[in-house]
Amino acid sequence: MTANGWAQYLLWFGDQGLVRWRQTKQQLLAVRQENREVEERLERLKEEISLLDKETVVFEEVARRDLGLVYPDDILFIDKNAPQAIKPTE
């Protein structure tokens, strides 16, 4: 292989070549997108925490919705066909 051919090979396929550069650029774009999604989720959680600090009603709603908590005198209806039905403990 000539020096020019070797230089071309390194330019395209070497550790610092264009193929590697394109792969790295795609990885960077994917990581940036993931960061945006995480930042959006973080902002939603911060807003929810802020509301929880201000409103006990919101705190109660989150406990009921996310944790399945109920008061002792609540009547609990269980839909066995629901995809995320709360199962009673024994």
C-alpha atoms as a PDB file:
ATOM      1  CA  MET A   1       0.000   0.000   0.000  1.00  0.00           C
ATOM      2  CA  THR A   2       1.352   3.402  -0.877  1.00  0.00           C
ATOM      3  CA  ALA A   3       1.752   6.223   1.631  1.00  0.00           C
ATOM      4  CA  ASN A   4      -1.183   8.009   0.047  1.00  0.00           C
ATOM      5  CA  GLY A   5      -3.327   4.877   0.322  1.00  0.00           C
ATOM      6  CA  TRP A   6      -2.339   4.421   3.954  1.00  0.00           C
ATOM      7  CA  ALA A   7      -3.177   8.049   4.703  1.00  0.00           C
ATOM      8  CA  GLN A   8      -6.580   7.603   3.073  1.00  0.00           C
ATOM      9  CA  TYR A   9      -7.219   4.454   5.094  1.00  0.00           C
ATOM     10  CA  LEU A  10      -6.311   6.219   8.344  1.00  0.00           C
ATOM     11  CA  LEU A  11      -8.441   9.213   7.404  1.00  0.00           C
ATOM     12  CA  TRP A  12     -11.519   7.044   6.932  1.00  0.00           C
ATOM     13  CA  PHE A  13     -11.091   4.111   9.290  1.00  0.00           C
ATOM     14  CA  GLY A  14      -8.393   5.025  11.824  1.00  0.00           C
ATOM     15  CA  ASP A  15      -9.081   5.768  15.501  1.00  0.00           C
ATOM     16  CA  GLN A  16      -9.427   9.440  14.625  1.00  0.00           C
ATOM     17  CA  GLY A  17     -11.008   8.837  11.202  1.00  0.00           C
ATOM     18  CA  LEU A  18     -14.209  10.132   9.694  1.00  0.00           C
ATOM     19  CA  VAL A  19     -16.155   6.932  10.383  1.00  0.00           C
ATOM     20  CA  ARG A  20     -15.275   7.146  14.072  1.00  0.00           C
ATOM     21  CA  TRP A  21     -16.085  10.865  14.077  1.00  0.00           C
ATOM     22  CA  ARG A  22     -19.558  10.191  12.649  1.00  0.00           C
ATOM     23  CA  GLN A  23     -20.214   7.462  15.254  1.00  0.00           C
ATOM     24  CA  THR A  24     -19.091   9.774  18.046  1.00  0.00           C
ATOM     25  CA  LYS A  25     -21.304  12.555  16.719  1.00  0.00           C
ATOM     26  CA  GLN A  26     -24.330  10.221  16.706  1.00  0.00           C
ATOM     27  CA  GLN A  27     -23.543   9.102  20.253  1.00  0.00           C
ATOM     28  CA  LEU A  28     -23.269  12.737  21.328  1.00  0.00           C
ATOM     29  CA  LEU A  29     -26.678  13.547  19.831  1.00  0.00           C
ATOM     30  CA  ALA A  30     -28.239  10.551  21.600  1.00  0.00           C
ATOM     31  CA  VAL A  31     -26.725  11.559  24.940  1.00  0.00           C
ATOM     32  CA  ARG A  32     -27.914  15.145  24.510  1.00  0.00           C
ATOM     33  CA  GLN A  33     -31.456  13.922  23.804  1.00  0.00           C
ATOM     34  CA  GLU A  34     -31.355  11.691  26.874  1.00  0.00           C
ATOM     35  CA  ASN A  35     -30.107  14.637  28.947  1.00  0.00           C
ATOM     36  CA  ARG A  36     -33.007  16.789  27.739  1.00  0.00           C
ATOM     37  CA  GLU A  37     -35.488  14.083  28.723  1.00  0.00           C
ATOM     38  CA  VAL A  38     -33.907  13.705  32.157  1.00  0.00           C
ATOM     39  CA  GLU A  39     -33.896  17.478  32.675  1.00  0.00           C
ATOM     40  CA  GLU A  40     -37.592  17.671  31.738  1.00  0.00           C
ATOM     41  CA  ARG A  41     -38.421  14.890  34.196  1.00  0.00           C
ATOM     42  CA  LEU A  42     -36.342  16.612  36.868  1.00  0.00           C
ATOM     43  CA  GLU A  43     -38.233  19.866  36.326  1.00  0.00           C
ATOM     44  CA  ARG A  44     -41.585  18.058  36.639  1.00  0.00           C
ATOM     45  CA  LEU A  45     -40.429  16.427  39.858  1.00  0.00           C
ATOM     46  CA  LYS A  46     -39.201  19.762  41.233  1.00  0.00           C
ATOM     47  CA  GLU A  47     -42.598  21.301  40.480  1.00  0.00           C
ATOM     48  CA  GLU A  48     -44.332  18.388  42.193  1.00  0.00           C
ATOM     49  CA  ILE A  49     -42.079  18.738  45.249  1.00  0.00           C
ATOM     50  CA  SER A  50     -42.809  22.445  45.360  1.00  0.00           C
ATOM     51  CA  LEU A  51     -46.537  21.725  45.321  1.00  0.00           C
ATOM     52  CA  LEU A  52     -46.117  19.065  48.006  1.00  0.00           C
ATOM     53  CA  ASP A  53     -44.415  21.583  50.256  1.00  0.00           C
ATOM     54  CA  LYS A  54     -47.338  23.992  49.826  1.00  0.00           C
ATOM     55  CA  GLU A  55     -50.353  21.732  49.680  1.00  0.00           C
ATOM     56  CA  THR A  56     -51.047  18.704  51.843  1.00  0.00           C
ATOM     57  CA  VAL A  57     -53.928  17.862  49.505  1.00  0.00           C
ATOM     58  CA  VAL A  58     -51.486  17.373  46.652  1.00  0.00           C
ATOM     59  CA  PHE A  59     -49.275  15.277  48.943  1.00  0.00           C
ATOM     60  CA  GLU A  60     -52.245  13.073  49.746  1.00  0.00           C
ATOM     61  CA  GLU A  61     -53.142  12.713  46.048  1.00  0.00           C
ATOM     62  CA  VAL A  62     -49.607  11.617  45.162  1.00  0.00           C
ATOM     63  CA  ALA A  63     -49.577   9.095  48.026  1.00  0.00           C
ATOM     64  CA  ARG A  64     -52.892   7.649  46.879  1.00  0.00           C
ATOM     65  CA  ARG A  65     -52.058   7.643  43.150  1.00  0.00           C
ATOM     66  CA  ASP A  66     -48.428   6.509  43.183  1.00  0.00           C
ATOM     67  CA  LEU A  67     -48.245   4.446  46.354  1.00  0.00           C
ATOM     68  CA  GLY A  68     -51.788   3.099  46.519  1.00  0.00           C
ATOM     69  CA  LEU A  69     -52.296   4.379  50.058  1.00  0.00           C
ATOM     70  CA  VAL A  70     -55.816   4.550  51.508  1.00  0.00           C
ATOM     71  CA  TYR A  71     -57.377   5.671  54.784  1.00  0.00           C
ATOM     72  CA  PRO A  72     -58.596   2.951  57.164  1.00  0.00           C
ATOM     73  CA  ASP A  73     -62.238   3.912  56.594  1.00  0.00           C
ATOM     74  CA  ASP A  74     -61.946   4.094  52.771  1.00  0.00           C
ATOM     75  CA  ILE A  75     -63.842   1.601  50.662  1.00  0.00           C
ATOM     76  CA  LEU A  76     -61.483   0.068  48.129  1.00  0.00           C
ATOM     77  CA  PHE A  77     -62.747  -1.239  44.803  1.00  0.00           C
ATOM     78  CA  ILE A  78     -60.355  -3.482  42.886  1.00  0.00           C
ATOM     79  CA  ASP A  79     -60.673  -3.833  39.135  1.00  0.00           C
ATOM     80  CA  LYS A  80     -58.978  -7.113  38.269  1.00  0.00           C
ATOM     81  CA  ASN A  81     -58.979  -6.149  34.584  1.00  0.00           C
ATOM     82  CA  ALA A  82     -57.083  -2.922  35.155  1.00  0.00           C
ATOM     83  CA  PRO A  83     -53.476  -3.100  33.905  1.00  0.00           C
ATOM     84  CA  GLN A  84     -52.027  -1.781  37.187  1.00  0.00           C
ATOM     85  CA  ALA A  85     -54.635  -2.800  39.707  1.00  0.00           C
ATOM     86  CA  ILE A  86     -53.613  -2.488  43.339  1.00  0.00           C
ATOM     87  CA  LYS A  87     -53.537  -5.907  44.929  1.00  0.00           C
ATOM     88  CA  PRO A  88     -54.710  -6.107  48.565  1.00  0.00           C
ATOM     89  CA  THR A  89     -52.171  -7.347  51.088  1.00  0.00           C
ATOM     90  CA  GLU A  90     -52.974 -10.326  53.256  1.00  0.00           C
END
